[in-house]
Amino acid sequence: QGAHRVIAIDGHADRLERARALGAETVNFNEE
């Protein structure tokens, strides 16, 4: 739908890895 940036937030590293593969920047709430 045209987003310029997507920031994905989760506490599971494997799920965040999937989000990065889709183009998202990621935040792990168990690390920061």
PDB file of all heavy atoms in Angstrom:
ATOM      1  N   GLN A   1       0.808  -1.222   0.000  1.00  0.00           N
ATOM      2  CA  GLN A   1       0.000   0.000   0.000  1.00  0.00           C
ATOM      3  C   GLN A   1       0.841   1.271   0.000  1.00  0.00           C
ATOM      4  O   GLN A   1       0.311   2.358   0.210  1.00  0.00           O
ATOM      5  CB  GLN A   1      -0.946  -0.019   1.201  1.00  0.00           C
ATOM      6  CG  GLN A   1      -1.966  -1.142   1.125  1.00  0.00           C
ATOM      7  CD  GLN A   1      -2.915  -1.138   2.313  1.00  0.00           C
ATOM      8  OE1 GLN A   1      -3.557  -0.132   2.615  1.00  0.00           O
ATOM      9  NE2 GLN A   1      -3.007  -2.255   3.002  1.00  0.00           N
ATOM     10  N   GLY A   2       2.144   1.125  -0.230  1.00  0.00           N
ATOM     11  CA  GLY A   2       2.971   2.307  -0.444  1.00  0.00           C
ATOM     12  C   GLY A   2       3.823   2.768   0.718  1.00  0.00           C
ATOM     13  O   GLY A   2       4.409   3.851   0.654  1.00  0.00           O
ATOM     14  N   ALA A   3       3.900   1.974   1.781  1.00  0.00           N
ATOM     15  CA  ALA A   3       4.741   2.386   2.907  1.00  0.00           C
ATOM     16  C   ALA A   3       6.190   2.559   2.471  1.00  0.00           C
ATOM     17  O   ALA A   3       6.720   1.753   1.703  1.00  0.00           O
ATOM     18  CB  ALA A   3       4.657   1.355   4.033  1.00  0.00           C
ATOM     19  N   HIS A   4       6.815   3.614   2.969  1.00  0.00           N
ATOM     20  CA  HIS A   4       8.229   3.860   2.666  1.00  0.00           C
ATOM     21  C   HIS A   4       9.120   3.029   3.577  1.00  0.00           C
ATOM     22  O   HIS A   4      10.135   2.480   3.139  1.00  0.00           O
ATOM     23  CB  HIS A   4       8.535   5.344   2.842  1.00  0.00           C
ATOM     24  CG  HIS A   4       9.990   5.686   2.703  1.00  0.00           C
ATOM     25  ND1 HIS A   4      10.702   5.447   1.546  1.00  0.00           N
ATOM     26  CD2 HIS A   4      10.862   6.242   3.596  1.00  0.00           C
ATOM     27  CE1 HIS A   4      11.957   5.846   1.713  1.00  0.00           C
ATOM     28  NE2 HIS A   4      12.085   6.320   2.949  1.00  0.00           N
ATOM     29  N   ARG A   5       8.728   2.931   4.848  1.00  0.00           N
ATOM     30  CA  ARG A   5       9.464   2.129   5.827  1.00  0.00           C
ATOM     31  C   ARG A   5       8.474   1.353   6.668  1.00  0.00           C
ATOM     32  O   ARG A   5       7.391   1.856   6.996  1.00  0.00           O
ATOM     33  CB  ARG A   5      10.297   3.018   6.758  1.00  0.00           C
ATOM     34  CG  ARG A   5      11.371   3.837   6.095  1.00  0.00           C
ATOM     35  CD  ARG A   5      11.976   4.820   7.100  1.00  0.00           C
ATOM     36  NE  ARG A   5      12.671   4.161   8.206  1.00  0.00           N
ATOM     37  CZ  ARG A   5      13.024   4.784   9.332  1.00  0.00           C
ATOM     38  NH1 ARG A   5      12.724   6.062   9.520  1.00  0.00           N
ATOM     39  NH2 ARG A   5      13.682   4.133  10.281  1.00  0.00           N
ATOM     40  N   VAL A   6       8.861   0.137   7.055  1.00  0.00           N
ATOM     41  CA  VAL A   6       8.079  -0.658   7.992  1.00  0.00           C
ATOM     42  C   VAL A   6       9.003  -1.083   9.124  1.00  0.00           C
ATOM     43  O   VAL A   6      10.085  -1.623   8.876  1.00  0.00           O
ATOM     44  CB  VAL A   6       7.452  -1.900   7.325  1.00  0.00           C
ATOM     45  CG1 VAL A   6       6.722  -2.748   8.369  1.00  0.00           C
ATOM     46  CG2 VAL A   6       6.490  -1.495   6.210  1.00  0.00           C
ATOM     47  N   ILE A   7       8.585  -0.814  10.342  1.00  0.00           N
ATOM     48  CA  ILE A   7       9.336  -1.221  11.533  1.00  0.00           C
ATOM     49  C   ILE A   7       8.545  -2.326  12.214  1.00  0.00           C
ATOM     50  O   ILE A   7       7.392  -2.120  12.614  1.00  0.00           O
ATOM     51  CB  ILE A   7       9.543  -0.042  12.496  1.00  0.00           C
ATOM     52  CG1 ILE A   7      10.249   1.118  11.784  1.00  0.00           C
ATOM     53  CG2 ILE A   7      10.345  -0.477  13.727  1.00  0.00           C
ATOM     54  CD1 ILE A   7      10.257   2.419  12.572  1.00  0.00           C
ATOM     55  N   ALA A   8       9.143  -3.502  12.332  1.00  0.00           N
ATOM     56  CA  ALA A   8       8.463  -4.652  12.927  1.00  0.00           C
ATOM     57  C   ALA A   8       9.013  -4.903  14.326  1.00  0.00           C
ATOM     58  O   ALA A   8      10.225  -4.926  14.523  1.00  0.00           O
ATOM     59  CB  ALA A   8       8.660  -5.880  12.051  1.00  0.00           C
ATOM     60  N   ILE A   9       8.102  -5.107  15.287  1.00  0.00           N
ATOM     61  CA  ILE A   9       8.502  -5.264  16.680  1.00  0.00           C
ATOM     62  C   ILE A   9       8.013  -6.608  17.210  1.00  0.00           C
ATOM     63  O   ILE A   9       6.839  -6.967  17.042  1.00  0.00           O
ATOM     64  CB  ILE A   9       7.910  -4.134  17.555  1.00  0.00           C
ATOM     65  CG1 ILE A   9       8.266  -2.755  16.983  1.00  0.00           C
ATOM     66  CG2 ILE A   9       8.412  -4.266  18.997  1.00  0.00           C
ATOM     67  CD1 ILE A   9       7.201  -2.112  16.131  1.00  0.00           C
ATOM     68  N   ASP A  10       8.919  -7.350  17.845  1.00  0.00           N
ATOM     69  CA  ASP A  10       8.576  -8.647  18.428  1.00  0.00           C
ATOM     70  C   ASP A  10       9.660  -8.993  19.448  1.00  0.00           C
ATOM     71  O   ASP A  10      10.675  -8.296  19.534  1.00  0.00           O
ATOM     72  CB  ASP A  10       8.471  -9.723  17.344  1.00  0.00           C
ATOM     73  CG  ASP A  10       7.621 -10.916  17.763  1.00  0.00           C
ATOM     74  OD1 ASP A  10       8.083 -11.712  18.607  1.00  0.00           O
ATOM     75  OD2 ASP A  10       6.501 -11.069  17.242  1.00  0.00           O
ATOM     76  N   GLY A  11       9.459 -10.076  20.190  1.00  0.00           N
ATOM     77  CA  GLY A  11      10.462 -10.516  21.143  1.00  0.00           C
ATOM     78  C   GLY A  11      11.113 -11.824  20.769  1.00  0.00           C
ATOM     79  O   GLY A  11      11.900 -12.370  21.549  1.00  0.00           O
ATOM     80  N   HIS A  12      10.802 -12.330  19.554  1.00  0.00           N
ATOM     81  CA  HIS A  12      11.337 -13.611  19.096  1.00  0.00           C
ATOM     82  C   HIS A  12      12.228 -13.383  17.880  1.00  0.00           C
ATOM     83  O   HIS A  12      11.767 -12.883  16.847  1.00  0.00           O
ATOM     84  CB  HIS A  12      10.200 -14.571  18.747  1.00  0.00           C
ATOM     85  CG  HIS A  12       9.354 -14.948  19.935  1.00  0.00           C
ATOM     86  ND1 HIS A  12       9.622 -16.039  20.717  1.00  0.00           N
ATOM     87  CD2 HIS A  12       8.270 -14.344  20.483  1.00  0.00           C
ATOM     88  CE1 HIS A  12       8.731 -16.120  21.689  1.00  0.00           C
ATOM     89  NE2 HIS A  12       7.895 -15.092  21.573  1.00  0.00           N
ATOM     90  N   ALA A  13      13.486 -13.773  18.000  1.00  0.00           N
ATOM     91  CA  ALA A  13      14.468 -13.489  16.954  1.00  0.00           C
ATOM     92  C   ALA A  13      14.107 -14.130  15.623  1.00  0.00           C
ATOM     93  O   ALA A  13      14.325 -13.537  14.563  1.00  0.00           O
ATOM     94  CB  ALA A  13      15.852 -13.964  17.410  1.00  0.00           C
ATOM     95  N   ASP A  14      13.559 -15.352  15.647  1.00  0.00           N
ATOM     96  CA  ASP A  14      13.241 -16.034  14.393  1.00  0.00           C
ATOM     97  C   ASP A  14      12.129 -15.307  13.632  1.00  0.00           C
ATOM     98  O   ASP A  14      12.157 -15.219  12.403  1.00  0.00           O
ATOM     99  CB  ASP A  14      12.863 -17.495  14.642  1.00  0.00           C
ATOM    100  CG  ASP A  14      11.673 -17.653  15.561  1.00  0.00           C
ATOM    101  OD1 ASP A  14      11.580 -16.907  16.553  1.00  0.00           O
ATOM    102  OD2 ASP A  14      10.832 -18.537  15.307  1.00  0.00           O
ATOM    103  N   ARG A  15      11.176 -14.767  14.350  1.00  0.00           N
ATOM    104  CA  ARG A  15      10.094 -14.029  13.697  1.00  0.00           C
ATOM    105  C   ARG A  15      10.602 -12.698  13.120  1.00  0.00           C
ATOM    106  O   ARG A  15      10.197 -12.287  12.029  1.00  0.00           O
ATOM    107  CB  ARG A  15       8.958 -13.791  14.691  1.00  0.00           C
ATOM    108  CG  ARG A  15       8.330 -15.089  15.174  1.00  0.00           C
ATOM    109  CD  ARG A  15       7.128 -14.869  16.069  1.00  0.00           C
ATOM    110  NE  ARG A  15       6.512 -16.143  16.421  1.00  0.00           N
ATOM    111  CZ  ARG A  15       5.263 -16.285  16.861  1.00  0.00           C
ATOM    112  NH1 ARG A  15       4.513 -15.210  17.013  1.00  0.00           N
ATOM    113  NH2 ARG A  15       4.783 -17.470  17.147  1.00  0.00           N
ATOM    114  N   LEU A  16      11.494 -12.057  13.854  1.00  0.00           N
ATOM    115  CA  LEU A  16      12.068 -10.812  13.357  1.00  0.00           C
ATOM    116  C   LEU A  16      12.930 -11.060  12.128  1.00  0.00           C
ATOM    117  O   LEU A  16      12.979 -10.224  11.211  1.00  0.00           O
ATOM    118  CB  LEU A  16      12.891 -10.146  14.463  1.00  0.00           C
ATOM    119  CG  LEU A  16      12.059  -9.613  15.635  1.00  0.00           C
ATOM    120  CD1 LEU A  16      12.956  -9.213  16.797  1.00  0.00           C
ATOM    121  CD2 LEU A  16      11.205  -8.427  15.195  1.00  0.00           C
ATOM    122  N   GLU A  17      13.584 -12.192  12.082  1.00  0.00           N
ATOM    123  CA  GLU A  17      14.373 -12.532  10.897  1.00  0.00           C
ATOM    124  C   GLU A  17      13.477 -12.639   9.662  1.00  0.00           C
ATOM    125  O   GLU A  17      13.837 -12.192   8.572  1.00  0.00           O
ATOM    126  CB  GLU A  17      15.109 -13.857  11.133  1.00  0.00           C
ATOM    127  CG  GLU A  17      16.029 -14.269   9.995  1.00  0.00           C
ATOM    128  CD  GLU A  17      16.768 -15.567  10.286  1.00  0.00           C
ATOM    129  OE1 GLU A  17      16.727 -16.041  11.441  1.00  0.00           O
ATOM    130  OE2 GLU A  17      17.392 -16.096   9.354  1.00  0.00           O
ATOM    131  N   ARG A  18      12.305 -13.227   9.838  1.00  0.00           N
ATOM    132  CA  ARG A  18      11.338 -13.316   8.737  1.00  0.00           C
ATOM    133  C   ARG A  18      10.897 -11.924   8.295  1.00  0.00           C
ATOM    134  O   ARG A  18      10.748 -11.663   7.096  1.00  0.00           O
ATOM    135  CB  ARG A  18      10.119 -14.117   9.194  1.00  0.00           C
ATOM    136  CG  ARG A  18      10.376 -15.591   9.382  1.00  0.00           C
ATOM    137  CD  ARG A  18      10.043 -16.349   8.128  1.00  0.00           C
ATOM    138  NE  ARG A  18      10.257 -17.779   8.290  1.00  0.00           N
ATOM    139  CZ  ARG A  18       9.750 -18.679   7.473  1.00  0.00           C
ATOM    140  NH1 ARG A  18       9.010 -18.307   6.446  1.00  0.00           N
ATOM    141  NH2 ARG A  18      10.004 -19.957   7.660  1.00  0.00           N
ATOM    142  N   ALA A  19      10.657 -11.048   9.260  1.00  0.00           N
ATOM    143  CA  ALA A  19      10.233  -9.686   8.933  1.00  0.00           C
ATOM    144  C   ALA A  19      11.310  -8.947   8.148  1.00  0.00           C
ATOM    145  O   ALA A  19      11.012  -8.214   7.195  1.00  0.00           O
ATOM    146  CB  ALA A  19       9.882  -8.930  10.213  1.00  0.00           C
ATOM    147  N   ARG A  20      12.572  -9.136   8.548  1.00  0.00           N
ATOM    148  CA  ARG A  20      13.671  -8.501   7.807  1.00  0.00           C
ATOM    149  C   ARG A  20      13.737  -9.014   6.375  1.00  0.00           C
ATOM    150  O   ARG A  20      14.014  -8.248   5.445  1.00  0.00           O
ATOM    151  CB  ARG A  20      15.001  -8.746   8.519  1.00  0.00           C
ATOM    152  CG  ARG A  20      15.234  -7.857   9.733  1.00  0.00           C
ATOM    153  CD  ARG A  20      16.674  -7.908  10.215  1.00  0.00           C
ATOM    154  NE  ARG A  20      17.037  -9.236  10.697  1.00  0.00           N
ATOM    155  CZ  ARG A  20      16.838  -9.653  11.945  1.00  0.00           C
ATOM    156  NH1 ARG A  20      16.264  -8.849  12.828  1.00  0.00           N
ATOM    157  NH2 ARG A  20      17.212 -10.862  12.313  1.00  0.00           N
ATOM    158  N   ALA A  21      13.474 -10.300   6.195  1.00  0.00           N
ATOM    159  CA  ALA A  21      13.496 -10.873   4.843  1.00  0.00           C
ATOM    160  C   ALA A  21      12.415 -10.254   3.960  1.00  0.00           C
ATOM    161  O   ALA A  21      12.550 -10.235   2.726  1.00  0.00           O
ATOM    162  CB  ALA A  21      13.306 -12.388   4.917  1.00  0.00           C
ATOM    163  N   LEU A  22      11.358  -9.732   4.585  1.00  0.00           N
ATOM    164  CA  LEU A  22      10.280  -9.078   3.843  1.00  0.00           C
ATOM    165  C   LEU A  22      10.538  -7.586   3.653  1.00  0.00           C
ATOM    166  O   LEU A  22       9.718  -6.881   3.080  1.00  0.00           O
ATOM    167  CB  LEU A  22       8.947  -9.281   4.562  1.00  0.00           C
ATOM    168  CG  LEU A  22       8.447 -10.731   4.643  1.00  0.00           C
ATOM    169  CD1 LEU A  22       7.226 -10.823   5.546  1.00  0.00           C
ATOM    170  CD2 LEU A  22       8.131 -11.277   3.254  1.00  0.00           C
ATOM    171  N   GLY A  23      11.674  -7.093   4.166  1.00  0.00           N
ATOM    172  CA  GLY A  23      12.053  -5.699   3.957  1.00  0.00           C
ATOM    173  C   GLY A  23      11.876  -4.781   5.142  1.00  0.00           C
ATOM    174  O   GLY A  23      12.124  -3.578   5.038  1.00  0.00           O
ATOM    175  N   ALA A  24      11.450  -5.322   6.287  1.00  0.00           N
ATOM    176  CA  ALA A  24      11.204  -4.472   7.455  1.00  0.00           C
ATOM    177  C   ALA A  24      12.480  -4.222   8.240  1.00  0.00           C
ATOM    178  O   ALA A  24      13.400  -5.046   8.254  1.00  0.00           O
ATOM    179  CB  ALA A  24      10.163  -5.119   8.354  1.00  0.00           C
ATOM    180  N   GLU A  25      12.516  -3.079   8.910  1.00  0.00           N
ATOM    181  CA  GLU A  25      13.485  -2.848   9.975  1.00  0.00           C
ATOM    182  C   GLU A  25      12.898  -3.483  11.239  1.00  0.00           C
ATOM    183  O   GLU A  25      11.670  -3.569  11.362  1.00  0.00           O
ATOM    184  CB  GLU A  25      13.693  -1.347  10.174  1.00  0.00           C
ATOM    185  CG  GLU A  25      14.182  -0.639   8.915  1.00  0.00           C
ATOM    186  CD  GLU A  25      13.996   0.858   8.994  1.00  0.00           C
ATOM    187  OE1 GLU A  25      14.579   1.487   9.904  1.00  0.00           O
ATOM    188  OE2 GLU A  25      13.246   1.399   8.161  1.00  0.00           O
ATOM    189  N   THR A  26      13.741  -3.914  12.149  1.00  0.00           N
ATOM    190  CA  THR A  26      13.205  -4.679  13.277  1.00  0.00           C
ATOM    191  C   THR A  26      13.675  -4.158  14.627  1.00  0.00           C
ATOM    192  O   THR A  26      14.758  -3.585  14.753  1.00  0.00           O
ATOM    193  CB  THR A  26      13.587  -6.169  13.157  1.00  0.00           C
ATOM    194  OG1 THR A  26      15.012  -6.301  13.105  1.00  0.00           O
ATOM    195  CG2 THR A  26      12.978  -6.790  11.907  1.00  0.00           C
ATOM    196  N   VAL A  27      12.827  -4.395  15.632  1.00  0.00           N
ATOM    197  CA  VAL A  27      13.129  -4.064  17.025  1.00  0.00           C
ATOM    198  C   VAL A  27      12.771  -5.281  17.868  1.00  0.00           C
ATOM    199  O   VAL A  27      11.625  -5.756  17.821  1.00  0.00           O
ATOM    200  CB  VAL A  27      12.325  -2.841  17.508  1.00  0.00           C
ATOM    201  CG1 VAL A  27      12.524  -2.631  19.006  1.00  0.00           C
ATOM    202  CG2 VAL A  27      12.718  -1.591  16.733  1.00  0.00           C
ATOM    203  N   ASN A  28      13.724  -5.777  18.635  1.00  0.00           N
ATOM    204  CA  ASN A  28      13.498  -6.905  19.543  1.00  0.00           C
ATOM    205  C   ASN A  28      13.304  -6.341  20.953  1.00  0.00           C
ATOM    206  O   ASN A  28      14.242  -5.830  21.558  1.00  0.00           O
ATOM    207  CB  ASN A  28      14.678  -7.869  19.512  1.00  0.00           C
ATOM    208  CG  ASN A  28      14.419  -9.146  20.299  1.00  0.00           C
ATOM    209  OD1 ASN A  28      13.672  -9.161  21.266  1.00  0.00           O
ATOM    210  ND2 ASN A  28      15.060 -10.234  19.874  1.00  0.00           N
ATOM    211  N   PHE A  29      12.076  -6.450  21.480  1.00  0.00           N
ATOM    212  CA  PHE A  29      11.820  -5.830  22.788  1.00  0.00           C
ATOM    213  C   PHE A  29      12.455  -6.595  23.943  1.00  0.00           C
ATOM    214  O   PHE A  29      12.393  -6.136  25.092  1.00  0.00           O
ATOM    215  CB  PHE A  29      10.323  -5.609  23.032  1.00  0.00           C
ATOM    216  CG  PHE A  29       9.469  -6.855  23.100  1.00  0.00           C
ATOM    217  CD1 PHE A  29       9.571  -7.749  24.152  1.00  0.00           C
ATOM    218  CD2 PHE A  29       8.524  -7.099  22.112  1.00  0.00           C
ATOM    219  CE1 PHE A  29       8.757  -8.865  24.229  1.00  0.00           C
ATOM    220  CE2 PHE A  29       7.711  -8.222  22.178  1.00  0.00           C
ATOM    221  CZ  PHE A  29       7.827  -9.103  23.241  1.00  0.00           C
ATOM    222  N   ASN A  30      13.078  -7.744  23.663  1.00  0.00           N
ATOM    223  CA  ASN A  30      13.854  -8.437  24.684  1.00  0.00           C
ATOM    224  C   ASN A  30      15.329  -8.034  24.656  1.00  0.00           C
ATOM    225  O   ASN A  30      16.124  -8.555  25.447  1.00  0.00           O
ATOM    226  CB  ASN A  30      13.724  -9.948  24.522  1.00  0.00           C
ATOM    227  CG  ASN A  30      12.454 -10.488  25.160  1.00  0.00           C
ATOM    228  OD1 ASN A  30      12.128 -10.143  26.299  1.00  0.00           O
ATOM    229  ND2 ASN A  30      11.722 -11.313  24.428  1.00  0.00           N
ATOM    230  N   GLU A  31      15.676  -7.132  23.746  1.00  0.00           N
ATOM    231  CA  GLU A  31      17.052  -6.661  23.649  1.00  0.00           C
ATOM    232  C   GLU A  31      17.178  -5.151  23.809  1.00  0.00           C
ATOM    233  O   GLU A  31      18.251  -4.645  24.133  1.00  0.00           O
ATOM    234  CB  GLU A  31      17.654  -7.083  22.296  1.00  0.00           C
ATOM    235  CG  GLU A  31      17.783  -8.597  22.147  1.00  0.00           C
ATOM    236  CD  GLU A  31      18.371  -8.996  20.806  1.00  0.00           C
ATOM    237  OE1 GLU A  31      18.586  -8.093  19.947  1.00  0.00           O
ATOM    238  OE2 GLU A  31      18.619 -10.191  20.593  1.00  0.00           O
ATOM    239  N   GLU A  32      16.095  -4.424  23.562  1.00  0.00           N
ATOM    240  CA  GLU A  32      16.118  -2.974  23.691  1.00  0.00           C
ATOM    241  C   GLU A  32      14.715  -2.476  24.023  1.00  0.00           C
ATOM    242  O   GLU A  32      13.723  -3.157  23.774  1.00  0.00           O
ATOM    243  CB  GLU A  32      16.628  -2.318  22.403  1.00  0.00           C
ATOM    244  CG  GLU A  32      15.867  -2.718  21.150  1.00  0.00           C
ATOM    245  CD  GLU A  32      16.516  -2.185  19.892  1.00  0.00           C
ATOM    246  OE1 GLU A  32      17.143  -1.104  19.939  1.00  0.00           O
ATOM    247  OE2 GLU A  32      16.405  -2.846  18.850  1.00  0.00           O
TER     248      GLU A  32
END
